[in-house]
Amino acid sequence: MKKLILAGGTGFLGQALIAHFKNEFDSIVILSRAKGKTLEKVRYLQWDAKTFGDWCNELEGAHTILNLCGKSVDCRYTTKNMAEIFASRLDSTKIIGAAILKCKQAPALWINGTSATIYRHSEDTAMTESKGEIGEGFSVEVCKAWEKVFDGFELPATRKVNMRISMVFGKTAGVYPVLMSVVKKGLGGTMGNGRQQVSWIHVEDFCKIVDWMMRHEKAKGVYNVVSEEPVRNKKLMQMLRKKAGIFIGLPAAAWMLKIGAFIIGTETELILKSRYIIPEKLVSEGFKFKYRTMEECLADL
């Protein structure tokens, strides 16, 4: 494969994908707001994620462009932050689609990374691509608008895949180090009622899913990028305490979490919303997970 383009590829997932694909592509191009540079066959190009520029030329003949852009939702939902969360996702998707339309030789595949939080809070009913129920609230409205922009582009020469990504677990970044830090401080007890489901994916399986989507030309549309077995918060915290060798963790009621979230500048939705999501399409179309259970995932981290 000749060229992979990662929009917003300087973060945790982008760097994991670079490591996974560095020997699979002739070149990897990272679209970033930072100043351009080249490291071996990885080129970093500057863009603003909302206007045309020299970066558009890179799309010509590219195999895949994967959009990972978006301001972190790990913040307070102030008017300013909400506007930036919307704009960072919608603007980047709009300009990528518009740039593809201008190509003489369009990319073969456009993957847009969105969020599995689009589904409603559910503790006991599994959300799948075919039967999942869309939720309500700010985060859901962001996802709906984001997917509407992506779906609005008719690109006959470019296959389109929308990845609804769950919490990604990796050794050095993502949600795992944050949770382990909480556990090691003795605060790793049940959060809220502990019944909320946590849908997750090991970072290695995330990269394998992207690889699988590139190679399976029938793959298109929406995919839940989650493991096969969600885990409830209470059980997850027990497993994290065991791994850390800490057998006591103070529980935190919902009202306590709201106070704590306010102090550290985030929202409780990231902890209290129950995401019971199943990768129906990936399983039915033949993808094989390396890490099916949280036990297997944590054993590797």
Protein backbone atom coordinates (compact mmCIF):
# COMPACT_ATOMS: atom_id res chain seq x y z
CA MET A 1 0.00 0.00 0.00
CA LYS A 2 1.36 3.39 -0.97
CA LYS A 3 0.13 6.08 1.38
CA LEU A 4 -1.77 6.35 4.66
CA ILE A 5 -2.99 9.76 5.85
CA LEU A 6 -3.85 10.32 9.50
CA ALA A 7 -5.69 13.55 10.29
CA GLY A 8 -5.08 14.35 13.95
CA GLY A 9 -2.52 11.57 14.20
CA THR A 10 -0.27 13.00 16.91
CA GLY A 11 -2.24 11.56 19.83
CA PHE A 12 -2.40 8.14 21.47
CA LEU A 13 -4.33 6.39 18.69
CA GLY A 14 -2.43 8.06 15.88
CA GLN A 15 0.94 7.02 17.30
CA ALA A 16 -0.31 3.46 17.82
CA LEU A 17 -1.41 3.33 14.17
CA ILE A 18 1.96 4.66 12.99
CA ALA A 19 3.73 1.86 14.86
CA HIS A 20 1.31 -0.73 13.46
CA PHE A 21 1.49 0.41 9.82
CA LYS A 22 5.06 1.72 9.48
CA ASN A 23 6.10 -1.33 7.47
CA GLU A 24 2.84 -1.64 5.52
CA PHE A 25 2.90 1.69 3.66
CA ASP A 26 5.48 3.45 1.51
CA SER A 27 4.65 6.66 3.38
CA ILE A 28 2.52 7.86 6.27
CA VAL A 29 1.34 11.46 6.33
CA ILE A 30 0.17 13.08 9.58
CA LEU A 31 -2.03 16.18 9.33
CA SER A 32 -1.38 18.28 12.42
CA ARG A 33 -1.59 21.87 13.64
CA ALA A 34 2.08 21.65 14.64
CA LYS A 35 4.93 22.71 12.39
CA GLY A 36 5.75 20.24 9.64
CA LYS A 37 8.62 17.75 9.96
CA THR A 38 9.77 14.36 8.67
CA LEU A 39 10.78 11.36 10.78
CA GLU A 40 11.97 8.51 8.55
CA LYS A 41 9.02 7.82 6.25
CA VAL A 42 6.48 9.61 8.44
CA ARG A 43 5.79 13.16 7.28
CA TYR A 44 3.98 15.70 9.45
CA LEU A 45 2.14 18.40 7.49
CA GLN A 46 0.60 21.47 9.03
CA TRP A 47 -3.09 22.18 8.50
CA ASP A 48 -5.84 24.03 10.36
CA ALA A 49 -8.46 21.28 9.92
CA LYS A 50 -10.95 23.65 8.31
CA THR A 51 -9.51 25.16 5.11
CA PHE A 52 -7.89 23.90 1.91
CA GLY A 53 -4.11 23.94 1.67
CA ASP A 54 -1.10 22.06 0.33
CA TRP A 55 -2.21 19.05 2.38
CA CYS A 56 -4.98 18.42 -0.16
CA ASN A 57 -2.39 17.25 -2.69
CA GLU A 58 -1.54 14.33 -0.41
CA LEU A 59 -4.99 12.83 -0.93
CA GLU A 60 -4.30 12.13 -4.60
CA GLY A 61 -3.84 8.39 -4.99
CA ALA A 62 -3.74 7.74 -1.25
CA HIS A 63 -4.93 4.35 -0.06
CA THR A 64 -6.61 5.50 3.16
CA ILE A 65 -7.35 8.69 5.03
CA LEU A 66 -8.35 8.24 8.66
CA ASN A 67 -9.77 11.20 10.57
CA LEU A 68 -9.08 11.20 14.32
CA CYS A 69 -9.59 14.94 14.87
CA GLY A 70 -11.54 16.26 17.81
CA LYS A 71 -11.01 18.32 20.95
CA SER A 72 -10.89 16.09 24.02
CA VAL A 73 -14.21 15.71 25.84
CA ASP A 74 -12.28 15.38 29.10
CA CYS A 75 -13.22 18.94 30.10
CA ARG A 76 -16.05 20.95 31.60
CA TYR A 77 -18.93 21.50 29.21
CA THR A 78 -18.70 25.28 29.18
CA THR A 79 -20.13 27.24 26.25
CA LYS A 80 -16.62 27.76 24.86
CA ASN A 81 -15.57 24.13 25.23
CA MET A 82 -18.81 22.80 23.73
CA ALA A 83 -18.39 25.05 20.71
CA GLU A 84 -14.80 23.82 20.23
CA ILE A 85 -15.84 20.17 20.62
CA PHE A 86 -18.43 20.61 17.87
CA ALA A 87 -16.21 22.65 15.55
CA SER A 88 -13.13 20.42 15.80
CA ARG A 89 -15.13 17.40 14.67
CA LEU A 90 -17.47 18.93 12.12
CA ASP A 91 -14.97 21.27 10.46
CA SER A 92 -12.32 18.57 9.93
CA THR A 93 -14.88 16.15 8.51
CA LYS A 94 -16.33 18.80 6.18
CA ILE A 95 -12.97 19.85 4.77
CA ILE A 96 -11.72 16.30 4.26
CA GLY A 97 -14.89 15.39 2.36
CA ALA A 98 -14.66 18.54 0.26
CA ALA A 99 -10.97 17.86 -0.49
CA ILE A 100 -11.75 14.30 -1.61
CA LEU A 101 -14.38 15.66 -3.99
CA LYS A 102 -11.68 17.77 -5.66
CA CYS A 103 -9.34 14.80 -6.20
CA LYS A 104 -8.62 13.40 -9.64
CA GLN A 105 -7.62 10.09 -8.04
CA ALA A 106 -9.54 9.94 -4.77
CA PRO A 107 -8.42 7.86 -1.76
CA ALA A 108 -9.74 4.31 -1.86
CA LEU A 109 -10.95 4.48 1.75
CA TRP A 110 -12.06 7.19 4.18
CA ILE A 111 -12.42 6.12 7.80
CA ASN A 112 -13.96 8.61 10.20
CA GLY A 113 -13.40 7.95 13.89
CA THR A 114 -16.49 8.95 15.85
CA SER A 115 -17.74 7.81 19.26
CA ALA A 116 -19.70 4.92 20.72
CA THR A 117 -21.25 7.33 23.20
CA ILE A 118 -23.91 8.04 20.57
CA TYR A 119 -26.00 5.23 22.11
CA ARG A 120 -28.28 5.76 25.08
CA HIS A 121 -27.38 4.91 28.68
CA SER A 122 -28.06 1.18 29.00
CA GLU A 123 -27.21 -1.21 31.81
CA ASP A 124 -28.96 -4.35 30.56
CA THR A 125 -29.81 -3.96 26.86
CA ALA A 126 -27.02 -4.40 24.32
CA MET A 127 -26.60 -1.68 21.70
CA THR A 128 -25.66 -2.98 18.24
CA GLU A 129 -25.31 -1.28 14.87
CA SER A 130 -28.67 -2.71 13.76
CA LYS A 131 -30.69 -2.35 16.97
CA GLY A 132 -28.88 0.29 19.01
CA GLU A 133 -30.93 3.20 20.33
CA ILE A 134 -29.52 6.70 19.95
CA GLY A 135 -29.36 8.60 23.23
CA GLU A 136 -29.86 12.19 24.32
CA GLY A 137 -27.66 14.98 25.63
CA PHE A 138 -24.72 17.07 24.51
CA SER A 139 -22.30 14.25 23.62
CA VAL A 140 -24.97 12.44 21.61
CA GLU A 141 -25.85 15.63 19.70
CA VAL A 142 -22.17 16.03 18.82
CA CYS A 143 -22.03 12.47 17.50
CA LYS A 144 -25.24 12.84 15.51
CA ALA A 145 -24.06 16.06 13.86
CA TRP A 146 -20.63 14.53 13.22
CA GLU A 147 -22.05 11.46 11.50
CA LYS A 148 -24.53 13.55 9.52
CA VAL A 149 -21.68 15.53 7.96
CA PHE A 150 -19.76 12.34 7.13
CA ASP A 151 -22.81 10.57 5.71
CA GLY A 152 -23.66 13.61 3.60
CA PHE A 153 -20.72 13.12 1.24
CA GLU A 154 -21.43 11.04 -1.88
CA LEU A 155 -18.03 9.70 -2.95
CA PRO A 156 -18.41 7.01 -5.62
CA ALA A 157 -14.66 6.30 -5.81
CA THR A 158 -14.09 6.22 -2.03
CA ARG A 159 -15.36 3.58 0.37
CA LYS A 160 -16.52 5.09 3.66
CA VAL A 161 -16.39 3.57 7.15
CA ASN A 162 -17.63 5.20 10.35
CA MET A 163 -15.96 3.79 13.48
CA ARG A 164 -17.88 4.32 16.71
CA ILE A 165 -14.93 4.00 19.06
CA SER A 166 -15.21 3.04 22.73
CA MET A 167 -12.67 3.55 25.54
CA VAL A 168 -9.25 2.42 24.26
CA PHE A 169 -6.94 0.67 26.73
CA GLY A 170 -3.16 0.88 26.23
CA LYS A 171 -0.12 0.68 28.50
CA THR A 172 1.17 4.23 28.21
CA ALA A 173 -1.85 6.37 27.30
CA GLY A 174 -5.62 6.38 27.02
CA VAL A 175 -7.95 5.55 29.89
CA TYR A 176 -5.87 2.79 31.54
CA PRO A 177 -3.07 4.90 33.10
CA VAL A 178 -5.68 7.35 34.41
CA LEU A 179 -7.71 4.62 36.10
CA MET A 180 -4.60 2.99 37.54
CA SER A 181 -3.51 6.33 38.98
CA VAL A 182 -6.86 6.61 40.75
CA VAL A 183 -6.58 3.05 42.06
CA LYS A 184 -3.03 3.57 43.38
CA LYS A 185 -4.25 6.57 45.36
CA GLY A 186 -6.73 4.35 47.17
CA LEU A 187 -9.74 5.81 45.35
CA GLY A 188 -10.42 2.83 43.08
CA GLY A 189 -13.70 1.69 44.58
CA THR A 190 -17.07 1.35 42.88
CA MET A 191 -18.08 4.51 41.04
CA GLY A 192 -21.73 5.47 41.27
CA ASN A 193 -23.90 2.37 41.60
CA GLY A 194 -21.22 0.29 39.85
CA ARG A 195 -23.75 -1.23 37.44
CA GLN A 196 -22.78 0.95 34.50
CA GLN A 197 -21.32 -1.05 31.64
CA VAL A 198 -17.89 -0.14 30.30
CA SER A 199 -17.39 -0.90 26.62
CA TRP A 200 -13.70 -0.95 25.78
CA ILE A 201 -11.11 -2.03 23.21
CA HIS A 202 -7.43 -2.95 23.55
CA VAL A 203 -5.28 -0.59 21.46
CA GLU A 204 -3.78 -3.55 19.58
CA ASP A 205 -7.23 -4.73 18.52
CA PHE A 206 -8.11 -1.16 17.54
CA CYS A 207 -5.17 -1.09 15.13
CA LYS A 208 -6.04 -4.57 13.86
CA ILE A 209 -9.60 -3.42 13.16
CA VAL A 210 -8.34 -0.49 11.08
CA ASP A 211 -6.07 -2.91 9.19
CA TRP A 212 -8.98 -5.30 8.66
CA MET A 213 -11.16 -2.51 7.28
CA MET A 214 -8.48 -1.59 4.78
CA ARG A 215 -8.18 -5.15 3.50
CA HIS A 216 -11.89 -6.08 3.45
CA GLU A 217 -13.35 -4.07 0.61
CA LYS A 218 -16.91 -5.00 1.55
CA ALA A 219 -16.54 -3.25 4.91
CA LYS A 220 -18.50 0.00 4.85
CA GLY A 221 -20.90 2.02 6.97
CA VAL A 222 -21.08 2.07 10.77
CA TYR A 223 -19.00 -0.24 12.98
CA ASN A 224 -18.94 -0.44 16.77
CA VAL A 225 -15.24 -0.54 17.65
CA VAL A 226 -15.57 -2.32 20.98
CA SER A 227 -14.57 -5.65 22.48
CA GLU A 228 -17.00 -8.55 22.61
CA GLU A 229 -17.52 -8.45 26.38
CA PRO A 230 -18.27 -5.18 28.20
CA VAL A 231 -17.61 -5.14 31.94
CA ARG A 232 -19.50 -3.43 34.73
CA ASN A 233 -17.74 -0.63 36.59
CA LYS A 234 -17.76 -2.52 39.91
CA LYS A 235 -16.03 -5.54 38.35
CA LEU A 236 -13.58 -3.38 36.39
CA MET A 237 -12.47 -1.53 39.52
CA GLN A 238 -12.01 -4.85 41.34
CA MET A 239 -9.75 -6.12 38.54
CA LEU A 240 -7.74 -2.91 38.47
CA ARG A 241 -7.19 -3.04 42.23
CA LYS A 242 -6.05 -6.65 41.96
CA LYS A 243 -3.58 -5.78 39.20
CA ALA A 244 -2.21 -2.88 41.23
CA GLY A 245 -1.93 -5.03 44.35
CA ILE A 246 -4.22 -2.69 46.25
CA PHE A 247 -7.14 -4.40 47.89
CA ILE A 248 -9.00 -1.41 49.29
CA GLY A 249 -10.59 1.31 47.22
CA LEU A 250 -12.90 4.02 48.50
CA PRO A 251 -16.25 3.97 46.68
CA ALA A 252 -17.60 7.21 45.22
CA ALA A 253 -21.30 8.00 45.03
CA ALA A 254 -22.61 9.97 42.07
CA TRP A 255 -22.76 13.22 44.07
CA MET A 256 -19.15 12.80 45.15
CA LEU A 257 -18.06 12.22 41.57
CA LYS A 258 -19.83 15.41 40.48
CA ILE A 259 -17.88 17.42 43.03
CA GLY A 260 -14.62 15.73 42.07
CA ALA A 261 -15.26 16.21 38.35
CA PHE A 262 -15.89 19.91 38.94
CA ILE A 263 -12.63 20.27 40.87
CA ILE A 264 -10.49 18.57 38.19
CA GLY A 265 -12.33 20.18 35.29
CA THR A 266 -14.19 17.31 33.67
CA GLU A 267 -17.69 15.75 33.52
CA THR A 268 -19.11 12.70 35.28
CA GLU A 269 -20.62 11.38 32.04
CA LEU A 270 -17.29 9.76 31.22
CA ILE A 271 -17.65 7.59 34.33
CA LEU A 272 -21.37 7.28 35.03
CA LYS A 273 -22.87 6.72 31.58
CA SER A 274 -23.47 3.02 30.96
CA ARG A 275 -22.20 2.00 27.53
CA TYR A 276 -23.41 -1.53 26.80
CA ILE A 277 -22.23 -1.84 23.21
CA ILE A 278 -21.56 -4.96 21.14
CA PRO A 279 -19.47 -5.27 17.90
CA GLU A 280 -22.18 -7.09 15.97
CA LYS A 281 -20.90 -6.25 12.48
CA LEU A 282 -17.24 -6.99 13.16
CA VAL A 283 -18.08 -10.41 14.59
CA SER A 284 -20.58 -11.33 11.88
CA GLU A 285 -18.15 -10.28 9.12
CA GLY A 286 -15.30 -12.36 10.49
CA PHE A 287 -13.03 -10.12 12.54
CA LYS A 288 -11.17 -12.04 15.26
CA PHE A 289 -10.36 -10.20 18.49
CA LYS A 290 -7.09 -10.93 20.27
CA TYR A 291 -8.44 -9.53 23.55
CA ARG A 292 -12.05 -10.61 24.05
CA THR A 293 -12.29 -10.07 27.80
CA MET A 294 -11.06 -7.44 30.22
CA GLU A 295 -9.07 -10.15 32.01
CA GLU A 296 -7.12 -10.79 28.81
CA CYS A 297 -6.68 -7.09 28.21
CA LEU A 298 -5.33 -6.30 31.67
CA ALA A 299 -3.00 -9.31 31.59
CA ASP A 300 -1.21 -7.65 28.66
CA LEU A 301 -1.01 -4.15 30.16
